[in-house]
Protein backbone atom coordinates (compact mmCIF):
# COMPACT_ATOMS: atom_id res chain seq x y z
CA UNK A 1 -68.43 -60.98 5.44
CA UNK A 2 -65.15 -62.71 4.76
CA UNK A 3 -64.58 -65.73 2.64
CA UNK A 4 -62.18 -68.07 4.45
CA UNK A 5 -60.16 -71.12 3.71
CA UNK A 6 -60.99 -74.39 5.38
CA UNK A 7 -59.82 -74.46 8.94
CA UNK A 8 -57.14 -76.87 10.12
CA UNK A 9 -57.89 -79.11 13.17
CA UNK A 10 -57.05 -77.54 16.52
CA UNK A 11 -54.28 -80.10 17.03
CA UNK A 12 -52.55 -79.05 13.81
CA UNK A 13 -52.74 -75.40 14.66
CA UNK A 14 -51.32 -76.03 18.14
CA UNK A 15 -48.53 -78.11 16.66
CA UNK A 16 -47.80 -75.32 14.25
CA UNK A 17 -47.54 -72.89 17.15
CA UNK A 18 -45.00 -75.19 18.84
CA UNK A 19 -43.11 -75.55 15.54
CA UNK A 20 -42.87 -71.83 15.06
CA UNK A 21 -41.66 -71.45 18.64
CA UNK A 22 -38.92 -74.00 17.87
CA UNK A 23 -37.87 -71.98 14.82
CA UNK A 24 -37.69 -68.83 16.93
CA UNK A 25 -35.66 -70.68 19.54
CA UNK A 26 -33.07 -71.91 17.06
CA UNK A 27 -32.83 -68.45 15.48
CA UNK A 28 -32.06 -66.94 18.90
CA UNK A 29 -29.59 -69.61 19.87
CA UNK A 30 -27.66 -69.91 16.62
CA UNK A 31 -25.97 -66.52 16.53
CA UNK A 32 -25.86 -66.23 20.34
CA UNK A 33 -23.31 -69.00 20.36
CA UNK A 34 -20.97 -66.76 18.41
CA UNK A 35 -21.46 -63.45 20.29
CA UNK A 36 -19.53 -64.40 23.50
CA UNK A 37 -16.63 -65.36 21.28
CA UNK A 38 -16.34 -61.83 19.92
CA UNK A 39 -13.84 -60.54 22.41
CA UNK A 40 -11.55 -63.55 21.68
CA UNK A 41 -11.95 -63.07 17.90
CA UNK A 42 -11.25 -59.31 18.26
CA UNK A 43 -8.09 -60.00 20.15
CA UNK A 44 -6.91 -62.87 17.87
CA UNK A 45 -7.38 -60.73 14.77
CA UNK A 46 -5.92 -57.58 16.35
CA UNK A 47 -8.91 -55.33 15.57
CA UNK A 48 -9.33 -51.80 16.90
CA UNK A 49 -12.78 -50.73 18.20
CA UNK A 50 -13.53 -48.99 14.86
CA UNK A 51 -12.41 -52.00 12.77
CA UNK A 52 -14.41 -54.31 15.05
CA UNK A 53 -17.49 -52.11 14.76
CA UNK A 54 -17.27 -52.10 10.96
CA UNK A 55 -16.72 -55.86 10.86
CA UNK A 56 -19.71 -56.75 12.97
CA UNK A 57 -21.76 -54.29 10.89
CA UNK A 58 -21.29 -56.68 7.95
CA UNK A 59 -23.98 -58.91 9.52
CA UNK A 60 -26.74 -56.31 9.27
CA UNK A 61 -25.36 -55.10 5.90
CA UNK A 62 -25.93 -58.62 4.50
CA UNK A 63 -29.35 -58.64 6.11
CA UNK A 64 -30.25 -55.28 4.55
CA UNK A 65 -29.19 -56.32 1.10
CA UNK A 66 -30.74 -59.80 1.14
CA UNK A 67 -33.87 -58.76 3.02
CA UNK A 68 -35.51 -57.50 -0.15
CA UNK A 69 -35.71 -61.05 -1.39
CA UNK A 70 -37.52 -62.39 1.69
CA UNK A 71 -41.05 -61.48 0.56
CA UNK A 72 -40.54 -63.03 -2.84
CA UNK A 73 -39.09 -66.25 -1.42
CA UNK A 74 -41.88 -66.54 1.14
CA UNK A 75 -44.61 -66.06 -1.51
CA UNK A 76 -42.88 -68.58 -3.78
CA UNK A 77 -41.91 -71.38 -1.38
CA UNK A 78 -43.93 -70.62 1.79
CA UNK A 79 -42.77 -69.09 5.05
CA UNK A 80 -42.16 -72.40 6.84
CA UNK A 81 -39.73 -73.85 4.28
CA UNK A 82 -37.85 -70.53 3.89
CA UNK A 83 -37.54 -70.18 7.71
CA UNK A 84 -36.26 -73.71 8.33
CA UNK A 85 -33.82 -73.93 5.41
CA UNK A 86 -32.62 -70.34 5.94
CA UNK A 87 -31.94 -71.11 9.60
CA UNK A 88 -29.91 -74.20 8.68
CA UNK A 89 -27.84 -72.31 6.18
CA UNK A 90 -27.20 -69.46 8.66
CA UNK A 91 -25.21 -71.92 10.71
CA UNK A 92 -22.68 -72.21 7.88
CA UNK A 93 -21.99 -68.46 8.13
CA UNK A 94 -21.67 -68.62 11.87
CA UNK A 95 -19.05 -71.40 11.67
CA UNK A 96 -17.13 -69.52 8.99
CA UNK A 97 -17.07 -66.36 11.15
CA UNK A 98 -15.79 -68.25 14.15
CA UNK A 99 -12.97 -69.84 12.13
CA UNK A 100 -11.98 -66.71 10.19
CA UNK A 101 -8.18 -66.29 9.95
CA UNK A 102 -8.27 -62.58 9.07
CA UNK A 103 -10.63 -59.63 9.59
CA UNK A 104 -11.81 -59.54 5.98
CA UNK A 105 -12.93 -63.21 6.14
CA UNK A 106 -14.62 -62.56 9.45
CA UNK A 107 -16.60 -59.67 7.96
CA UNK A 108 -17.49 -61.67 4.82
CA UNK A 109 -18.70 -64.60 6.88
CA UNK A 110 -20.91 -62.28 8.97
CA UNK A 111 -22.25 -60.75 5.76
CA UNK A 112 -23.34 -64.19 4.53
CA UNK A 113 -24.78 -65.14 7.92
CA UNK A 114 -26.68 -61.86 8.11
CA UNK A 115 -28.15 -62.34 4.65
CA UNK A 116 -29.48 -65.80 5.48
CA UNK A 117 -30.64 -64.79 8.93
CA UNK A 118 -32.68 -61.89 7.55
CA UNK A 119 -34.54 -64.11 5.13
CA UNK A 120 -35.21 -66.75 7.86
CA UNK A 121 -36.29 -64.02 10.27
CA UNK A 122 -38.93 -62.56 7.95
CA UNK A 123 -40.18 -66.03 7.14
CA UNK A 124 -40.55 -67.16 10.70
CA UNK A 125 -42.32 -63.97 11.72
CA UNK A 126 -44.62 -64.31 8.70
CA UNK A 127 -45.47 -67.87 9.72
CA UNK A 128 -45.98 -66.84 13.33
CA UNK A 129 -48.46 -64.16 12.22
CA UNK A 130 -50.29 -66.78 10.14
CA UNK A 131 -50.66 -68.91 13.25
CA UNK A 132 -51.71 -65.83 15.27
CA UNK A 133 -54.57 -65.25 12.85
CA UNK A 134 -55.76 -68.82 13.48
CA UNK A 135 -55.86 -67.97 17.17
CA UNK A 136 -57.60 -64.61 16.74
CA UNK A 137 -55.54 -62.96 19.46
CA UNK A 138 -51.98 -61.80 20.13
CA UNK A 139 -49.40 -64.60 20.47
CA UNK A 140 -46.55 -63.00 18.46
CA UNK A 141 -44.79 -61.73 21.60
CA UNK A 142 -44.66 -65.32 22.95
CA UNK A 143 -42.67 -66.32 19.87
CA UNK A 144 -40.19 -63.49 20.44
CA UNK A 145 -39.99 -64.53 24.11
CA UNK A 146 -38.94 -67.97 22.94
CA UNK A 147 -36.34 -66.27 20.70
CA UNK A 148 -35.00 -64.64 23.86
CA UNK A 149 -34.90 -68.03 25.58
CA UNK A 150 -32.90 -69.26 22.61
CA UNK A 151 -30.52 -66.33 22.84
CA UNK A 152 -29.94 -66.90 26.55
CA UNK A 153 -29.47 -70.61 25.87
CA UNK A 154 -27.01 -69.90 23.06
CA UNK A 155 -25.08 -67.48 25.30
CA UNK A 156 -24.86 -70.01 28.10
CA UNK A 157 -23.80 -72.71 25.65
CA UNK A 158 -20.96 -70.50 24.56
CA UNK A 159 -20.05 -69.55 28.13
CA UNK A 160 -19.91 -73.24 29.09
CA UNK A 161 -17.77 -74.06 26.06
CA UNK A 162 -15.36 -71.26 26.94
CA UNK A 163 -15.23 -72.32 30.59
CA UNK A 164 -14.42 -75.91 29.62
CA UNK A 165 -11.77 -74.79 27.14
CA UNK A 166 -13.58 -76.19 24.08
CA UNK A 167 -11.97 -74.86 20.90
CA UNK A 168 -13.97 -72.16 19.12
CA UNK A 169 -14.31 -74.16 15.90
CA UNK A 170 -15.47 -77.36 17.60
CA UNK A 171 -17.97 -75.42 19.73
CA UNK A 172 -19.54 -73.61 16.78
CA UNK A 173 -19.72 -76.63 14.51
CA UNK A 174 -21.47 -78.70 17.20
CA UNK A 175 -23.91 -75.99 18.16
CA UNK A 176 -24.71 -74.96 14.57
CA UNK A 177 -25.34 -78.50 13.37
CA UNK A 178 -27.51 -79.33 16.33
CA UNK A 179 -29.68 -76.23 15.92
CA UNK A 180 -29.97 -76.72 12.17
CA UNK A 181 -31.26 -80.25 12.62
CA UNK A 182 -33.82 -79.04 15.19
CA UNK A 183 -35.06 -76.30 12.80
CA UNK A 184 -35.47 -78.76 9.91
CA UNK A 185 -37.41 -81.17 12.16
CA UNK A 186 -39.80 -78.40 13.15
CA UNK A 187 -40.51 -77.62 9.53
CA UNK A 188 -42.80 -80.64 9.03
CA UNK A 189 -45.19 -79.47 11.80
CA UNK A 190 -45.75 -75.95 10.40
CA UNK A 191 -48.88 -74.86 8.51
CA UNK A 192 -48.98 -76.11 4.90
CA UNK A 193 -49.24 -73.94 1.82
CA UNK A 194 -48.03 -70.42 1.06
CA UNK A 195 -49.14 -67.06 2.39
CA UNK A 196 -50.86 -66.12 -0.85
CA UNK A 197 -52.92 -69.34 -0.92
CA UNK A 198 -54.21 -68.86 2.62
CA UNK A 199 -54.78 -65.12 2.61
CA UNK A 200 -58.50 -64.34 3.14
CA UNK A 201 -60.25 -62.46 0.28
CA UNK A 202 -62.21 -59.45 1.56
CA UNK A 203 -65.71 -58.71 0.20
CA UNK A 204 -67.40 -55.33 -0.19
CA UNK A 205 -70.77 -54.55 1.35
CA UNK A 206 -72.50 -55.55 -1.88
CA UNK A 207 -70.94 -59.05 -1.66
CA UNK A 208 -68.46 -58.51 -4.50
CA UNK A 209 -64.76 -59.19 -3.99
CA UNK A 210 -62.73 -56.18 -3.07
CA UNK A 211 -59.64 -55.09 -5.01
CA UNK A 212 -56.77 -57.42 -4.19
CA UNK A 213 -54.37 -56.15 -1.58
CA UNK A 214 -51.49 -54.21 -3.05
CA UNK A 215 -53.18 -53.48 -6.39
CA UNK A 216 -54.12 -49.90 -5.38
CA UNK A 217 -51.48 -47.16 -4.81
CA UNK A 218 -50.09 -46.92 -1.29
CA UNK A 219 -51.41 -43.76 0.39
CA UNK A 220 -49.06 -41.12 1.92
CA UNK A 221 -50.49 -41.95 5.34
CA UNK A 222 -49.56 -45.63 4.93
CA UNK A 223 -46.04 -44.64 3.78
CA UNK A 224 -45.55 -42.38 6.80
CA UNK A 225 -46.86 -45.04 9.13
CA UNK A 226 -44.42 -47.57 7.75
CA UNK A 227 -41.59 -45.05 8.27
CA UNK A 228 -42.56 -44.54 11.92
CA UNK A 229 -42.83 -48.30 12.44
CA UNK A 230 -39.32 -48.68 11.02
CA UNK A 231 -38.01 -46.15 13.53
CA UNK A 232 -39.67 -48.02 16.36
CA UNK A 233 -38.23 -51.35 15.23
CA UNK A 234 -34.81 -49.76 14.63
CA UNK A 235 -34.81 -48.49 18.22
CA UNK A 236 -35.32 -52.06 19.33
CA UNK A 237 -32.46 -53.28 17.16
CA UNK A 238 -30.14 -50.61 18.36
CA UNK A 239 -30.69 -51.65 21.98
CA UNK A 240 -30.33 -55.34 21.04
CA UNK A 241 -27.04 -54.56 19.26
CA UNK A 242 -25.71 -52.80 22.35
CA UNK A 243 -25.98 -56.16 24.09
CA UNK A 244 -24.77 -58.21 21.13
CA UNK A 245 -21.73 -56.15 20.17
CA UNK A 246 -20.71 -54.09 23.14
CA UNK A 247 -22.00 -55.31 26.52
CA UNK A 248 -19.19 -57.88 27.08
CA UNK A 249 -16.52 -55.50 25.81
CA UNK A 250 -17.74 -52.57 27.87
CA UNK A 251 -17.86 -54.61 31.11
CA UNK A 252 -14.47 -56.22 30.54
CA UNK A 253 -12.48 -53.42 28.98
CA UNK A 254 -14.02 -50.30 30.54
CA UNK A 255 -15.17 -51.60 33.91
CA UNK A 256 -12.51 -54.41 34.38
CA UNK A 257 -15.10 -57.11 35.01
CA UNK A 258 -13.85 -60.74 34.90
CA UNK A 259 -14.69 -62.65 31.72
CA UNK A 260 -17.36 -64.70 33.39
CA UNK A 261 -19.06 -61.56 34.83
CA UNK A 262 -18.66 -59.58 31.63
CA UNK A 263 -20.79 -62.13 29.76
CA UNK A 264 -23.70 -61.29 32.10
CA UNK A 265 -24.35 -57.97 30.40
CA UNK A 266 -25.54 -59.68 27.19
CA UNK A 267 -27.31 -62.44 29.11
CA UNK A 268 -29.12 -59.88 31.33
CA UNK A 269 -30.38 -57.97 28.29
CA UNK A 270 -31.78 -60.95 26.47
CA UNK A 271 -33.03 -62.53 29.73
CA UNK A 272 -34.95 -59.40 30.70
CA UNK A 273 -36.17 -59.15 27.10
CA UNK A 274 -37.58 -62.68 27.52
CA UNK A 275 -39.48 -61.72 30.65
CA UNK A 276 -40.92 -58.67 28.89
CA UNK A 277 -42.08 -60.80 25.96
CA UNK A 278 -43.39 -63.51 28.19
CA UNK A 279 -45.98 -61.08 29.58
CA UNK A 280 -46.09 -58.94 26.46
CA UNK A 281 -49.17 -60.41 24.82
CA UNK A 282 -51.35 -60.04 27.86
CA UNK A 283 -50.14 -56.49 28.53
CA UNK A 284 -50.74 -55.53 24.90
CA UNK A 285 -54.18 -57.06 24.88
CA UNK A 286 -54.99 -55.07 28.07
CA UNK A 287 -53.32 -51.74 27.54
CA UNK A 288 -52.63 -51.59 23.80
CA UNK A 289 -49.41 -51.50 21.77
CA UNK A 290 -48.98 -47.72 22.08
CA UNK A 291 -49.01 -47.57 25.87
CA UNK A 292 -46.70 -50.52 26.31
CA UNK A 293 -44.18 -49.21 23.74
CA UNK A 294 -44.05 -45.75 25.29
CA UNK A 295 -43.65 -47.11 28.82
CA UNK A 296 -40.97 -49.50 27.60
CA UNK A 297 -39.02 -46.83 25.71
CA UNK A 298 -39.02 -44.61 28.80
CA UNK A 299 -37.91 -47.54 31.03
CA UNK A 300 -35.03 -48.41 28.69
CA UNK A 301 -33.85 -44.81 28.50
CA UNK A 302 -34.01 -44.32 32.25
CA UNK A 303 -32.37 -47.64 33.18
CA UNK A 304 -29.42 -47.46 30.79
CA UNK A 305 -29.10 -43.73 31.29
CA UNK A 306 -28.59 -44.21 35.04
CA UNK A 307 -26.14 -47.06 34.48
CA UNK A 308 -23.98 -44.87 32.22
CA UNK A 309 -24.27 -41.85 34.52
CA UNK A 310 -23.09 -43.88 37.54
CA UNK A 311 -20.90 -46.65 36.11
CA UNK A 312 -20.34 -49.84 38.02
CA UNK A 313 -20.24 -53.51 36.98
CA UNK A 314 -23.51 -54.61 38.60
CA UNK A 315 -25.23 -51.31 37.86
CA UNK A 316 -24.32 -51.75 34.20
CA UNK A 317 -25.67 -55.34 34.21
CA UNK A 318 -28.94 -54.05 35.64
CA UNK A 319 -28.90 -51.24 33.05
CA UNK A 320 -28.67 -53.68 30.18
CA UNK A 321 -31.47 -55.69 31.81
CA UNK A 322 -33.67 -52.58 31.97
CA UNK A 323 -32.96 -51.85 28.32
CA UNK A 324 -33.83 -55.41 27.26
CA UNK A 325 -37.07 -55.33 29.26
CA UNK A 326 -38.04 -51.94 27.90
CA UNK A 327 -37.72 -52.85 24.26
CA UNK A 328 -39.11 -56.33 24.58
CA UNK A 329 -42.33 -55.74 22.59
CA UNK A 330 -41.08 -53.14 20.10
CA UNK A 331 -40.03 -55.31 17.19
CA UNK A 332 -43.12 -57.64 17.44
CA UNK A 333 -45.37 -54.60 17.73
CA UNK A 334 -43.89 -52.96 14.58
CA UNK A 335 -44.09 -56.16 12.65
CA UNK A 336 -47.67 -56.82 13.66
CA UNK A 337 -48.81 -53.29 12.81
CA UNK A 338 -47.03 -53.47 9.45
CA UNK A 339 -48.55 -56.75 8.58
CA UNK A 340 -52.04 -55.35 9.22
CA UNK A 341 -51.65 -52.20 7.09
CA UNK A 342 -54.25 -51.92 4.28
CA UNK A 343 -53.38 -51.63 0.62
CA UNK A 344 -50.30 -53.86 0.74
CA UNK A 345 -49.73 -57.32 -0.68
CA UNK A 346 -49.46 -60.14 1.81
CA UNK A 347 -46.16 -59.99 3.63
CA UNK A 348 -45.11 -56.66 2.04
CA UNK A 349 -45.44 -54.48 5.14
CA UNK A 350 -43.76 -57.11 7.30
CA UNK A 351 -40.92 -57.45 4.80
CA UNK A 352 -40.30 -53.71 4.52
CA UNK A 353 -40.19 -53.12 8.32
CA UNK A 354 -38.10 -56.30 8.88
CA UNK A 355 -35.73 -55.14 6.16
CA UNK A 356 -35.30 -51.52 7.10
CA UNK A 357 -35.18 -52.05 10.85
CA UNK A 358 -31.82 -53.72 10.28
CA UNK A 359 -30.41 -50.25 9.61
CA UNK A 360 -30.21 -50.12 13.41
CA UNK A 361 -27.92 -53.15 13.45
CA UNK A 362 -25.97 -51.76 10.49
CA UNK A 363 -25.42 -48.19 11.71
CA UNK A 364 -25.04 -48.77 15.44
CA UNK A 365 -21.73 -50.79 15.55
CA UNK A 366 -19.63 -48.41 13.44
CA UNK A 367 -21.09 -45.31 15.13
CA UNK A 368 -20.48 -46.70 18.64
CA UNK A 369 -17.04 -47.94 17.65
CA UNK A 370 -16.02 -44.57 16.21
CA UNK A 371 -17.29 -42.74 19.30
CA UNK A 372 -15.48 -45.23 21.49
CA UNK A 373 -12.14 -44.67 19.75
CA UNK A 374 -12.66 -40.85 19.82
CA UNK A 375 -13.88 -40.62 23.40
CA UNK A 376 -14.99 -43.69 25.32
CA UNK A 377 -17.26 -46.73 24.90
CA UNK A 378 -19.35 -45.32 27.73
CA UNK A 379 -20.14 -42.30 25.53
CA UNK A 380 -20.89 -44.54 22.56
CA UNK A 381 -23.50 -46.46 24.49
CA UNK A 382 -25.54 -43.33 24.90
CA UNK A 383 -27.29 -44.62 21.73
CA UNK A 384 -29.39 -46.84 24.04
CA UNK A 385 -31.19 -44.10 26.04
CA UNK A 386 -31.52 -42.11 22.84
CA UNK A 387 -33.28 -45.03 21.18
CA UNK A 388 -35.65 -45.30 24.11
CA UNK A 389 -36.61 -41.62 23.71
CA UNK A 390 -37.24 -42.09 20.00
CA UNK A 391 -39.80 -44.74 20.82
CA UNK A 392 -41.57 -42.43 23.28
CA UNK A 393 -41.89 -39.87 20.49
CA UNK A 394 -43.03 -42.20 17.66
CA UNK A 395 -45.24 -44.73 19.43
CA UNK A 396 -48.36 -42.82 18.43
CA UNK A 397 -48.58 -44.82 15.19
CA UNK A 398 -49.23 -47.99 17.15
CA UNK A 399 -52.69 -49.16 18.06
CA UNK A 400 -53.95 -48.12 21.46
CA UNK A 401 -56.16 -51.21 21.54
CA UNK A 402 -55.39 -54.54 19.89
CA UNK A 403 -57.00 -55.07 16.45
CA UNK A 404 -56.85 -58.72 15.49
CA UNK A 405 -58.26 -60.22 12.37
CA UNK A 406 -61.02 -62.70 12.92
CA UNK A 407 -59.57 -66.14 13.57
CA UNK A 408 -59.53 -68.24 10.38
CA UNK A 409 -61.79 -70.99 11.58
CA UNK A 410 -65.00 -72.45 10.30
CA UNK A 411 -68.27 -71.14 11.92
CA UNK A 412 -68.71 -74.34 13.91
CA UNK A 413 -65.22 -74.28 15.35
CA UNK A 414 -63.63 -72.17 18.06
CA UNK A 415 -60.07 -70.76 18.06
CA UNK A 416 -57.47 -72.93 19.78
CA UNK A 417 -57.15 -72.45 23.50
CA UNK A 418 -53.75 -71.53 25.01
């Protein structure tokens, strides 16, 4: 038996699902408005590939340092408020990065933006998982699909601004303010309360309350599982970073693609990622997280591997699309599995995986940049197929069949329909 909190009306739960989707959309679109401006910023500031790689690594460095505070802030203020306010403040860092006069300021602005983005990211995923428990089935991939829609939208907003000759500062101020306002408006429709208040209390077979989550020592098995989940999530972030930091540069500098075509590498990756996440929940419910993750890792490794082996503009665009499609469910799968681990306080597993997975964003840019300066960017992008192979090897820690908690509804009510 499980003692549960009073259920919210179906309408409120559905509104909360829409609100979380809006938060994911703004999170995807906010930073994506800056990414297509990277080549221009790199040229204006006279950065080498190595310097550029180290500069963009400041974003995940900030995320890694600030990520440890996410769980505490979520438990103190609630995931909805932390997600919305954090998203609005992230826009300040994006604007500062776009207007940076020198490389050091650019890196510092990305550090601040990464710190705020990490906190907002953990919070919105935590709130999404709360809503998922109300539904009693997987919906987390749909939120990440909406993030991909936001990323594509942000990329297209930037491409349109560049095409129309809109100054970088004006473009980023307008887009950041607009998205911040949308995130703050979505806040009011999220679930009320904090994670600790709404977390169900488990009972033992004799009807007595069980030991509170996180009060007993974490077992070695749980620790190893968390480590494997971090590797899976990191593989997803490495592939995402290949699109964020290098797709446009590789197509324009190495393959001589026109600027408008070069932007399609990033858009193809996040667009294909959206398609994978759009169908991800149904595929996971049918085949299990493990099977989908292994198949996706193999697909990403094969697709990008072929694109690098036989370089061409359109083959590379397709290669980035294959990579995005293959890793579509990896980060949501790792987060979901971590949030369900026994013996951890509410939000702890999610925070740890969300925090450490950013090592992929942190390590990938300088490594790829150093390899690119020493050999070629084509060689540096081999991190993508390698990441796919790592997923194939570590996916065994994921559930073969979905294991959802019972929906948090009263006995007389049914979970919300789609």
